[in-house]
């Protein structure tokens, strides 16, 4: 497989073998395997297969490199003249995978 478009975590990603990718957190241990079976488009040996909505019989495998959380962002809400303010922080969890 030269190229594929996969869907995971409500998002779509263009992937190629050897590519490292940050995706929404999925279950699994570091060093483990994950299979993406929602393949929307696949290019293999110059032939393009377009799914409706998924390509039948095509799966993309990946190795889980890291389970981590992104840098902290600050969420600040403020309403003028109402004495209302809220300050919160958030760190989004993610999974780093390498496409095989």
PDB file of N, CA and C in Angstrom:
ATOM      1  N   UNK A   1       0.844  -1.184   0.000  1.00  0.00           N
ATOM      2  CA  UNK A   1       0.000   0.000   0.000  1.00  0.00           C
ATOM      3  C   UNK A   1       0.886   1.243   0.000  1.00  0.00           C
ATOM      4  N   UNK A   2       0.596   2.143  -0.885  1.00  0.00           N
ATOM      5  CA  UNK A   2       1.361   3.382  -0.987  1.00  0.00           C
ATOM      6  C   UNK A   2       0.742   4.505  -0.162  1.00  0.00           C
ATOM      7  N   UNK A   3      -0.589   4.559  -0.158  1.00  0.00           N
ATOM      8  CA  UNK A   3      -1.295   5.662   0.469  1.00  0.00           C
ATOM      9  C   UNK A   3      -2.687   5.196   0.872  1.00  0.00           C
ATOM     10  N   UNK A   4      -3.210   5.763   1.952  1.00  0.00           N
ATOM     11  CA  UNK A   4      -4.570   5.427   2.377  1.00  0.00           C
ATOM     12  C   UNK A   4      -5.151   6.592   3.161  1.00  0.00           C
ATOM     13  N   UNK A   5      -6.466   6.654   3.191  1.00  0.00           N
ATOM     14  CA  UNK A   5      -7.172   7.602   4.054  1.00  0.00           C
ATOM     15  C   UNK A   5      -7.950   6.761   5.050  1.00  0.00           C
ATOM     16  N   UNK A   6      -7.634   6.944   6.339  1.00  0.00           N
ATOM     17  CA  UNK A   6      -8.307   6.183   7.387  1.00  0.00           C
ATOM     18  C   UNK A   6      -9.139   7.121   8.242  1.00  0.00           C
ATOM     19  N   UNK A   7     -10.103   6.540   8.950  1.00  0.00           N
ATOM     20  CA  UNK A   7     -10.950   7.314   9.848  1.00  0.00           C
ATOM     21  C   UNK A   7     -10.821   6.716  11.243  1.00  0.00           C
ATOM     22  N   UNK A   8     -10.467   7.563  12.217  1.00  0.00           N
ATOM     23  CA  UNK A   8     -10.381   7.143  13.605  1.00  0.00           C
ATOM     24  C   UNK A   8     -10.616   8.348  14.504  1.00  0.00           C
ATOM     25  N   UNK A   9     -11.330   8.157  15.570  1.00  0.00           N
ATOM     26  CA  UNK A   9     -11.587   9.238  16.516  1.00  0.00           C
ATOM     27  C   UNK A   9     -12.403  10.370  15.934  1.00  0.00           C
ATOM     28  N   UNK A  10     -13.234  10.077  14.923  1.00  0.00           N
ATOM     29  CA  UNK A  10     -14.064  11.107  14.310  1.00  0.00           C
ATOM     30  C   UNK A  10     -13.319  11.990  13.334  1.00  0.00           C
ATOM     31  N   UNK A  11     -12.060  11.652  13.034  1.00  0.00           N
ATOM     32  CA  UNK A  11     -11.249  12.445  12.105  1.00  0.00           C
ATOM     33  C   UNK A  11     -10.722  11.545  11.002  1.00  0.00           C
ATOM     34  N   UNK A  12     -10.338  12.157   9.877  1.00  0.00           N
ATOM     35  CA  UNK A  12      -9.776  11.417   8.757  1.00  0.00           C
ATOM     36  C   UNK A  12      -8.319  11.824   8.576  1.00  0.00           C
ATOM     37  N   UNK A  13      -7.455  10.829   8.285  1.00  0.00           N
ATOM     38  CA  UNK A  13      -6.030  11.067   8.146  1.00  0.00           C
ATOM     39  C   UNK A  13      -5.523  10.430   6.855  1.00  0.00           C
ATOM     40  N   UNK A  14      -4.650  11.129   6.133  1.00  0.00           N
ATOM     41  CA  UNK A  14      -3.947  10.565   4.991  1.00  0.00           C
ATOM     42  C   UNK A  14      -2.673   9.933   5.539  1.00  0.00           C
ATOM     43  N   UNK A  15      -2.484   8.622   5.289  1.00  0.00           N
ATOM     44  CA  UNK A  15      -1.349   7.915   5.867  1.00  0.00           C
ATOM     45  C   UNK A  15      -0.559   7.180   4.790  1.00  0.00           C
ATOM     46  N   UNK A  16       0.722   6.977   5.067  1.00  0.00           N
ATOM     47  CA  UNK A  16       1.624   6.221   4.209  1.00  0.00           C
ATOM     48  C   UNK A  16       2.519   5.378   5.116  1.00  0.00           C
ATOM     49  N   UNK A  17       3.069   4.274   4.612  1.00  0.00           N
ATOM     50  CA  UNK A  17       3.934   3.430   5.451  1.00  0.00           C
ATOM     51  C   UNK A  17       5.129   4.207   6.004  1.00  0.00           C
ATOM     52  N   UNK A  18       5.440   3.973   7.281  1.00  0.00           N
ATOM     53  CA  UNK A  18       6.566   4.636   7.936  1.00  0.00           C
ATOM     54  C   UNK A  18       6.234   5.982   8.554  1.00  0.00           C
ATOM     55  N   UNK A  19       5.035   6.482   8.328  1.00  0.00           N
ATOM     56  CA  UNK A  19       4.639   7.801   8.838  1.00  0.00           C
ATOM     57  C   UNK A  19       4.269   7.709  10.315  1.00  0.00           C
ATOM     58  N   UNK A  20       4.695   8.710  11.092  1.00  0.00           N
ATOM     59  CA  UNK A  20       4.302   8.810  12.497  1.00  0.00           C
ATOM     60  C   UNK A  20       3.167   9.810  12.593  1.00  0.00           C
ATOM     61  N   UNK A  21       2.172   9.504  13.440  1.00  0.00           N
ATOM     62  CA  UNK A  21       0.935  10.258  13.447  1.00  0.00           C
ATOM     63  C   UNK A  21       0.376  10.355  14.858  1.00  0.00           C
ATOM     64  N   UNK A  22      -0.058  11.565  15.260  1.00  0.00           N
ATOM     65  CA  UNK A  22      -0.754  11.756  16.531  1.00  0.00           C
ATOM     66  C   UNK A  22      -2.252  11.657  16.259  1.00  0.00           C
ATOM     67  N   UNK A  23      -2.915  10.727  16.945  1.00  0.00           N
ATOM     68  CA  UNK A  23      -4.361  10.548  16.767  1.00  0.00           C
ATOM     69  C   UNK A  23      -5.039  10.651  18.122  1.00  0.00           C
ATOM     70  N   UNK A  24      -6.355  10.724  18.106  1.00  0.00           N
ATOM     71  CA  UNK A  24      -7.114  10.728  19.351  1.00  0.00           C
ATOM     72  C   UNK A  24      -6.805   9.444  20.115  1.00  0.00           C
ATOM     73  N   UNK A  25      -6.839   9.502  21.444  1.00  0.00           N
ATOM     74  CA  UNK A  25      -6.451   8.372  22.282  1.00  0.00           C
ATOM     75  C   UNK A  25      -7.272   7.130  21.975  1.00  0.00           C
ATOM     76  N   UNK A  26      -6.553   6.014  21.808  1.00  0.00           N
ATOM     77  CA  UNK A  26      -7.190   4.709  21.625  1.00  0.00           C
ATOM     78  C   UNK A  26      -6.604   3.756  22.661  1.00  0.00           C
ATOM     79  N   UNK A  27      -7.312   2.690  22.960  1.00  0.00           N
ATOM     80  CA  UNK A  27      -6.848   1.711  23.936  1.00  0.00           C
ATOM     81  C   UNK A  27      -5.704   0.893  23.354  1.00  0.00           C
ATOM     82  N   UNK A  28      -4.759   0.536  24.205  1.00  0.00           N
ATOM     83  CA  UNK A  28      -3.636  -0.294  23.791  1.00  0.00           C
ATOM     84  C   UNK A  28      -2.378   0.080  24.545  1.00  0.00           C
ATOM     85  N   UNK A  29      -1.454  -0.861  24.612  1.00  0.00           N
ATOM     86  CA  UNK A  29      -0.191  -0.646  25.302  1.00  0.00           C
ATOM     87  C   UNK A  29       0.871  -0.150  24.322  1.00  0.00           C
ATOM     88  N   UNK A  30       1.863   0.558  24.840  1.00  0.00           N
ATOM     89  CA  UNK A  30       2.986   0.995  24.009  1.00  0.00           C
ATOM     90  C   UNK A  30       3.712  -0.228  23.479  1.00  0.00           C
ATOM     91  N   UNK A  31       4.023  -0.214  22.194  1.00  0.00           N
ATOM     92  CA  UNK A  31       4.649  -1.360  21.554  1.00  0.00           C
ATOM     93  C   UNK A  31       3.647  -2.326  20.952  1.00  0.00           C
ATOM     94  N   UNK A  32       2.365  -2.125  21.223  1.00  0.00           N
ATOM     95  CA  UNK A  32       1.311  -2.995  20.703  1.00  0.00           C
ATOM     96  C   UNK A  32       0.899  -2.636  19.286  1.00  0.00           C
ATOM     97  N   UNK A  33       0.051  -3.459  18.719  1.00  0.00           N
ATOM     98  CA  UNK A  33      -0.445  -3.257  17.365  1.00  0.00           C
ATOM     99  C   UNK A  33      -1.889  -2.751  17.417  1.00  0.00           C
ATOM    100  N   UNK A  34      -2.257  -1.974  16.413  1.00  0.00           N
ATOM    101  CA  UNK A  34      -3.637  -1.541  16.256  1.00  0.00           C
ATOM    102  C   UNK A  34      -3.984  -1.661  14.773  1.00  0.00           C
ATOM    103  N   UNK A  35      -5.205  -2.095  14.485  1.00  0.00           N
ATOM    104  CA  UNK A  35      -5.669  -2.269  13.108  1.00  0.00           C
ATOM    105  C   UNK A  35      -6.780  -1.255  12.848  1.00  0.00           C
ATOM    106  N   UNK A  36      -6.625  -0.471  11.777  1.00  0.00           N
ATOM    107  CA  UNK A  36      -7.657   0.475  11.351  1.00  0.00           C
ATOM    108  C   UNK A  36      -8.406  -0.172  10.193  1.00  0.00           C
ATOM    109  N   UNK A  37      -9.679  -0.515  10.417  1.00  0.00           N
ATOM    110  CA  UNK A  37     -10.450  -1.159   9.351  1.00  0.00           C
ATOM    111  C   UNK A  37     -11.372  -0.193   8.619  1.00  0.00           C
ATOM    112  N   UNK A  38     -11.462   1.034   9.096  1.00  0.00           N
ATOM    113  CA  UNK A  38     -12.253   2.047   8.387  1.00  0.00           C
ATOM    114  C   UNK A  38     -11.346   2.774   7.398  1.00  0.00           C
ATOM    115  N   UNK A  39     -11.108   2.147   6.247  1.00  0.00           N
ATOM    116  CA  UNK A  39     -10.270   2.717   5.198  1.00  0.00           C
ATOM    117  C   UNK A  39     -11.196   3.308   4.139  1.00  0.00           C
ATOM    118  N   UNK A  40     -11.089   4.614   3.913  1.00  0.00           N
ATOM    119  CA  UNK A  40     -11.985   5.306   2.987  1.00  0.00           C
ATOM    120  C   UNK A  40     -11.426   5.340   1.568  1.00  0.00           C
ATOM    121  N   UNK A  41     -10.090   5.293   1.432  1.00  0.00           N
ATOM    122  CA  UNK A  41      -9.447   5.300   0.124  1.00  0.00           C
ATOM    123  C   UNK A  41      -8.120   4.572   0.251  1.00  0.00           C
ATOM    124  N   UNK A  42      -7.778   3.772  -0.773  1.00  0.00           N
ATOM    125  CA  UNK A  42      -6.513   3.053  -0.763  1.00  0.00           C
ATOM    126  C   UNK A  42      -5.878   3.125  -2.144  1.00  0.00           C
ATOM    127  N   UNK A  43      -4.569   3.408  -2.176  1.00  0.00           N
ATOM    128  CA  UNK A  43      -3.804   3.429  -3.427  1.00  0.00           C
ATOM    129  C   UNK A  43      -2.742   2.344  -3.316  1.00  0.00           C
ATOM    130  N   UNK A  44      -2.786   1.370  -4.235  1.00  0.00           N
ATOM    131  CA  UNK A  44      -1.833   0.275  -4.210  1.00  0.00           C
ATOM    132  C   UNK A  44      -1.378  -0.024  -5.633  1.00  0.00           C
ATOM    133  N   UNK A  45      -0.069   0.096  -5.883  1.00  0.00           N
ATOM    134  CA  UNK A  45       0.532  -0.136  -7.200  1.00  0.00           C
ATOM    135  C   UNK A  45      -0.134   0.711  -8.286  1.00  0.00           C
ATOM    136  N   UNK A  46      -0.430   1.956  -7.956  1.00  0.00           N
ATOM    137  CA  UNK A  46      -1.021   2.878  -8.926  1.00  0.00           C
ATOM    138  C   UNK A  46      -2.525   2.737  -9.100  1.00  0.00           C
ATOM    139  N   UNK A  47      -3.146   1.729  -8.482  1.00  0.00           N
ATOM    140  CA  UNK A  47      -4.599   1.552  -8.575  1.00  0.00           C
ATOM    141  C   UNK A  47      -5.261   2.187  -7.358  1.00  0.00           C
ATOM    142  N   UNK A  48      -6.260   2.989  -7.605  1.00  0.00           N
ATOM    143  CA  UNK A  48      -6.969   3.674  -6.532  1.00  0.00           C
ATOM    144  C   UNK A  48      -8.312   2.992  -6.287  1.00  0.00           C
ATOM    145  N   UNK A  49      -8.573   2.674  -5.021  1.00  0.00           N
ATOM    146  CA  UNK A  49      -9.859   2.109  -4.620  1.00  0.00           C
ATOM    147  C   UNK A  49     -10.542   3.127  -3.725  1.00  0.00           C
ATOM    148  N   UNK A  50     -11.755   3.504  -4.099  1.00  0.00           N
ATOM    149  CA  UNK A  50     -12.525   4.461  -3.308  1.00  0.00           C
ATOM    150  C   UNK A  50     -13.681   3.719  -2.668  1.00  0.00           C
ATOM    151  N   UNK A  51     -13.805   3.848  -1.364  1.00  0.00           N
ATOM    152  CA  UNK A  51     -14.854   3.142  -0.639  1.00  0.00           C
ATOM    153  C   UNK A  51     -16.175   3.892  -0.668  1.00  0.00           C
ATOM    154  N   UNK A  52     -17.249   3.109  -0.460  1.00  0.00           N
ATOM    155  CA  UNK A  52     -18.579   3.726  -0.423  1.00  0.00           C
ATOM    156  C   UNK A  52     -19.376   3.138   0.726  1.00  0.00           C
ATOM    157  N   UNK A  53     -19.157   3.482   1.971  1.00  0.00           N
ATOM    158  CA  UNK A  53     -18.199   4.461   2.480  1.00  0.00           C
ATOM    159  C   UNK A  53     -16.822   3.880   2.786  1.00  0.00           C
ATOM    160  N   UNK A  54     -16.687   2.529   2.923  1.00  0.00           N
ATOM    161  CA  UNK A  54     -15.388   1.946   3.243  1.00  0.00           C
ATOM    162  C   UNK A  54     -14.940   1.031   2.119  1.00  0.00           C
ATOM    163  N   UNK A  55     -13.605   0.879   1.986  1.00  0.00           N
ATOM    164  CA  UNK A  55     -13.044  -0.057   1.018  1.00  0.00           C
ATOM    165  C   UNK A  55     -13.102  -1.449   1.642  1.00  0.00           C
ATOM    166  N   UNK A  56     -13.716  -2.388   0.958  1.00  0.00           N
ATOM    167  CA  UNK A  56     -13.892  -3.741   1.495  1.00  0.00           C
ATOM    168  C   UNK A  56     -12.573  -4.509   1.454  1.00  0.00           C
ATOM    169  N   UNK A  57     -12.263  -5.196   2.553  1.00  0.00           N
ATOM    170  CA  UNK A  57     -11.104  -6.080   2.599  1.00  0.00           C
ATOM    171  C   UNK A  57      -9.764  -5.404   2.785  1.00  0.00           C
ATOM    172  N   UNK A  58      -9.719  -4.112   2.987  1.00  0.00           N
ATOM    173  CA  UNK A  58      -8.443  -3.400   3.171  1.00  0.00           C
ATOM    174  C   UNK A  58      -8.352  -2.925   4.615  1.00  0.00           C
ATOM    175  N   UNK A  59      -7.205  -3.210   5.235  1.00  0.00           N
ATOM    176  CA  UNK A  59      -6.962  -2.769   6.608  1.00  0.00           C
ATOM    177  C   UNK A  59      -5.577  -2.146   6.689  1.00  0.00           C
ATOM    178  N   UNK A  60      -5.411  -1.202   7.602  1.00  0.00           N
ATOM    179  CA  UNK A  60      -4.125  -0.539   7.825  1.00  0.00           C
ATOM    180  C   UNK A  60      -3.682  -0.890   9.240  1.00  0.00           C
ATOM    181  N   UNK A  61      -2.450  -1.389   9.371  1.00  0.00           N
ATOM    182  CA  UNK A  61      -1.935  -1.721  10.696  1.00  0.00           C
ATOM    183  C   UNK A  61      -0.929  -0.660  11.134  1.00  0.00           C
ATOM    184  N   UNK A  62      -0.844  -0.472  12.440  1.00  0.00           N
ATOM    185  CA  UNK A  62       0.068   0.524  12.999  1.00  0.00           C
ATOM    186  C   UNK A  62       0.612   0.021  14.330  1.00  0.00           C
ATOM    187  N   UNK A  63       1.768   0.544  14.703  1.00  0.00           N
ATOM    188  CA  UNK A  63       2.400   0.209  15.977  1.00  0.00           C
ATOM    189  C   UNK A  63       2.238   1.396  16.910  1.00  0.00           C
ATOM    190  N   UNK A  64       1.812   1.141  18.145  1.00  0.00           N
ATOM    191  CA  UNK A  64       1.638   2.211  19.128  1.00  0.00           C
ATOM    192  C   UNK A  64       3.009   2.546  19.713  1.00  0.00           C
ATOM    193  N   UNK A  65       3.440   3.790  19.510  1.00  0.00           N
ATOM    194  CA  UNK A  65       4.733   4.232  20.018  1.00  0.00           C
ATOM    195  C   UNK A  65       4.622   4.866  21.394  1.00  0.00           C
ATOM    196  N   UNK A  66       3.524   5.605  21.643  1.00  0.00           N
ATOM    197  CA  UNK A  66       3.438   6.381  22.875  1.00  0.00           C
ATOM    198  C   UNK A  66       1.983   6.700  23.209  1.00  0.00           C
ATOM    199  N   UNK A  67       1.644   6.635  24.487  1.00  0.00           N
ATOM    200  CA  UNK A  67       0.362   7.113  25.018  1.00  0.00           C
ATOM    201  C   UNK A  67       0.709   8.311  25.890  1.00  0.00           C
ATOM    202  N   UNK A  68       0.234   9.507  25.540  1.00  0.00           N
ATOM    203  CA  UNK A  68       0.670  10.708  26.246  1.00  0.00           C
ATOM    204  C   UNK A  68      -0.447  11.733  26.254  1.00  0.00           C
ATOM    205  N   UNK A  69      -0.154  12.898  26.841  1.00  0.00           N
ATOM    206  CA  UNK A  69      -1.082  14.026  26.823  1.00  0.00           C
ATOM    207  C   UNK A  69      -0.383  15.226  26.207  1.00  0.00           C
ATOM    208  N   UNK A  70      -1.137  16.040  25.493  1.00  0.00           N
ATOM    209  CA  UNK A  70      -0.596  17.209  24.812  1.00  0.00           C
ATOM    210  C   UNK A  70      -0.253  18.302  25.824  1.00  0.00           C
ATOM    211  N   UNK A  71       0.374  19.365  25.358  1.00  0.00           N
ATOM    212  CA  UNK A  71       0.704  20.495  26.225  1.00  0.00           C
ATOM    213  C   UNK A  71      -0.569  21.120  26.780  1.00  0.00           C
ATOM    214  N   UNK A  72      -0.425  21.755  27.927  1.00  0.00           N
ATOM    215  CA  UNK A  72      -1.570  22.364  28.599  1.00  0.00           C
ATOM    216  C   UNK A  72      -2.020  23.622  27.874  1.00  0.00           C
ATOM    217  N   UNK A  73      -3.340  23.761  27.728  1.00  0.00           N
ATOM    218  CA  UNK A  73      -3.914  25.001  27.216  1.00  0.00           C
ATOM    219  C   UNK A  73      -4.763  25.609  28.317  1.00  0.00           C
ATOM    220  N   UNK A  74      -4.893  26.924  28.310  1.00  0.00           N
ATOM    221  CA  UNK A  74      -5.689  27.635  29.306  1.00  0.00           C
ATOM    222  C   UNK A  74      -6.998  28.068  28.688  1.00  0.00           C
ATOM    223  N   UNK A  75      -8.090  27.741  29.370  1.00  0.00           N
ATOM    224  CA  UNK A  75      -9.419  28.139  28.916  1.00  0.00           C
ATOM    225  C   UNK A  75      -9.907  29.193  29.904  1.00  0.00           C
ATOM    226  N   UNK A  76     -10.163  30.399  29.419  1.00  0.00           N
ATOM    227  CA  UNK A  76     -10.585  31.497  30.287  1.00  0.00           C
ATOM    228  C   UNK A  76     -11.884  32.078  29.757  1.00  0.00           C
ATOM    229  N   UNK A  77     -12.927  32.046  30.598  1.00  0.00           N
ATOM    230  CA  UNK A  77     -14.220  32.618  30.220  1.00  0.00           C
ATOM    231  C   UNK A  77     -14.448  33.860  31.062  1.00  0.00           C
ATOM    232  N   UNK A  78     -14.983  34.905  30.437  1.00  0.00           N
ATOM    233  CA  UNK A  78     -15.175  36.175  31.125  1.00  0.00           C
ATOM    234  C   UNK A  78     -16.405  36.864  30.568  1.00  0.00           C
ATOM    235  N   UNK A  79     -17.239  37.357  31.465  1.00  0.00           N
ATOM    236  CA  UNK A  79     -18.401  38.145  31.055  1.00  0.00           C
ATOM    237  C   UNK A  79     -18.280  39.515  31.714  1.00  0.00           C
ATOM    238  N   UNK A  80     -18.230  40.553  30.885  1.00  0.00           N
ATOM    239  CA  UNK A  80     -18.042  41.894  31.419  1.00  0.00           C
ATOM    240  C   UNK A  80     -19.276  42.351  32.190  1.00  0.00           C
ATOM    241  N   UNK A  81     -19.059  43.148  33.209  1.00  0.00           N
ATOM    242  CA  UNK A  81     -20.101  43.754  34.041  1.00  0.00           C
ATOM    243  C   UNK A  81     -20.918  42.741  34.838  1.00  0.00           C
ATOM    244  N   UNK A  82     -20.521  41.479  34.869  1.00  0.00           N
ATOM    245  CA  UNK A  82     -21.292  40.452  35.577  1.00  0.00           C
ATOM    246  C   UNK A  82     -20.502  39.770  36.694  1.00  0.00           C
ATOM    247  N   UNK A  83     -19.252  40.158  36.885  1.00  0.00           N
ATOM    248  CA  UNK A  83     -18.374  39.552  37.882  1.00  0.00           C
ATOM    249  C   UNK A  83     -18.253  38.040  37.674  1.00  0.00           C
ATOM    250  N   UNK A  84     -18.215  37.625  36.429  1.00  0.00           N
ATOM    251  CA  UNK A  84     -18.123  36.208  36.109  1.00  0.00           C
ATOM    252  C   UNK A  84     -16.810  35.939  35.375  1.00  0.00           C
ATOM    253  N   UNK A  85     -15.985  35.087  35.949  1.00  0.00           N
ATOM    254  CA  UNK A  85     -14.782  34.647  35.260  1.00  0.00           C
ATOM    255  C   UNK A  85     -14.442  33.242  35.723  1.00  0.00           C
ATOM    256  N   UNK A  86     -13.999  32.414  34.772  1.00  0.00           N
ATOM    257  CA  UNK A  86     -13.644  31.025  35.039  1.00  0.00           C
ATOM    258  C   UNK A  86     -12.335  30.736  34.316  1.00  0.00           C
ATOM    259  N   UNK A  87     -11.361  30.207  35.045  1.00  0.00           N
ATOM    260  CA  UNK A  87     -10.085  29.846  34.433  1.00  0.00           C
ATOM    261  C   UNK A  87      -9.858  28.352  34.651  1.00  0.00           C
ATOM    262  N   UNK A  88      -9.645  27.634  33.544  1.00  0.00           N
ATOM    263  CA  UNK A  88      -9.422  26.194  33.604  1.00  0.00           C
ATOM    264  C   UNK A  88      -8.287  25.817  32.672  1.00  0.00           C
ATOM    265  N   UNK A  89      -7.627  24.740  32.975  1.00  0.00           N
ATOM    266  CA  UNK A  89      -6.592  24.196  32.105  1.00  0.00           C
ATOM    267  C   UNK A  89      -7.050  22.857  31.552  1.00  0.00           C
ATOM    268  N   UNK A  90      -6.455  22.443  30.428  1.00  0.00           N
ATOM    269  CA  UNK A  90      -6.830  21.182  29.794  1.00  0.00           C
ATOM    270  C   UNK A  90      -5.636  20.581  29.073  1.00  0.00           C
ATOM    271  N   UNK A  91      -5.464  19.263  29.209  1.00  0.00           N
ATOM    272  CA  UNK A  91      -4.448  18.522  28.462  1.00  0.00           C
ATOM    273  C   UNK A  91      -5.150  17.384  27.742  1.00  0.00           C
ATOM    274  N   UNK A  92      -5.138  17.436  26.417  1.00  0.00           N
ATOM    275  CA  UNK A  92      -5.823  16.436  25.600  1.00  0.00           C
ATOM    276  C   UNK A  92      -4.971  15.172  25.469  1.00  0.00           C
ATOM    277  N   UNK A  93      -5.512  13.992  25.815  1.00  0.00           N
ATOM    278  CA  UNK A  93      -4.740  12.764  25.627  1.00  0.00           C
ATOM    279  C   UNK A  93      -4.649  12.389  24.146  1.00  0.00           C
ATOM    280  N   UNK A  94      -3.522  11.785  23.753  1.00  0.00           N
ATOM    281  CA  UNK A  94      -3.349  11.355  22.370  1.00  0.00           C
ATOM    282  C   UNK A  94      -2.534  10.069  22.331  1.00  0.00           C
ATOM    283  N   UNK A  95      -2.527   9.426  21.172  1.00  0.00           N
ATOM    284  CA  UNK A  95      -1.741   8.226  20.936  1.00  0.00           C
ATOM    285  C   UNK A  95      -0.846   8.492  19.724  1.00  0.00           C
ATOM    286  N   UNK A  96       0.438   8.222  19.862  1.00  0.00           N
ATOM    287  CA  UNK A  96       1.387   8.359  18.748  1.00  0.00           C
ATOM    288  C   UNK A  96       1.564   6.981  18.122  1.00  0.00           C
ATOM    289  N   UNK A  97       1.261   6.872  16.811  1.00  0.00           N
ATOM    290  CA  UNK A  97       1.368   5.601  16.117  1.00  0.00           C
ATOM    291  C   UNK A  97       2.283   5.729  14.909  1.00  0.00           C
ATOM    292  N   UNK A  98       2.862   4.605  14.488  1.00  0.00           N
ATOM    293  CA  UNK A  98       3.665   4.540  13.269  1.00  0.00           C
ATOM    294  C   UNK A  98       2.971   3.569  12.319  1.00  0.00           C
ATOM    295  N   UNK A  99       2.660   4.028  11.130  1.00  0.00           N
ATOM    296  CA  UNK A  99       1.941   3.225  10.145  1.00  0.00           C
ATOM    297  C   UNK A  99       2.876   2.174   9.551  1.00  0.00           C
ATOM    298  N   UNK A 100       2.380   0.943   9.453  1.00  0.00           N
ATOM    299  CA  UNK A 100       3.183  -0.154   8.887  1.00  0.00           C
ATOM    300  C   UNK A 100       2.588  -0.666   7.632  1.00  0.00           C
TER     301      UNK A 100
END
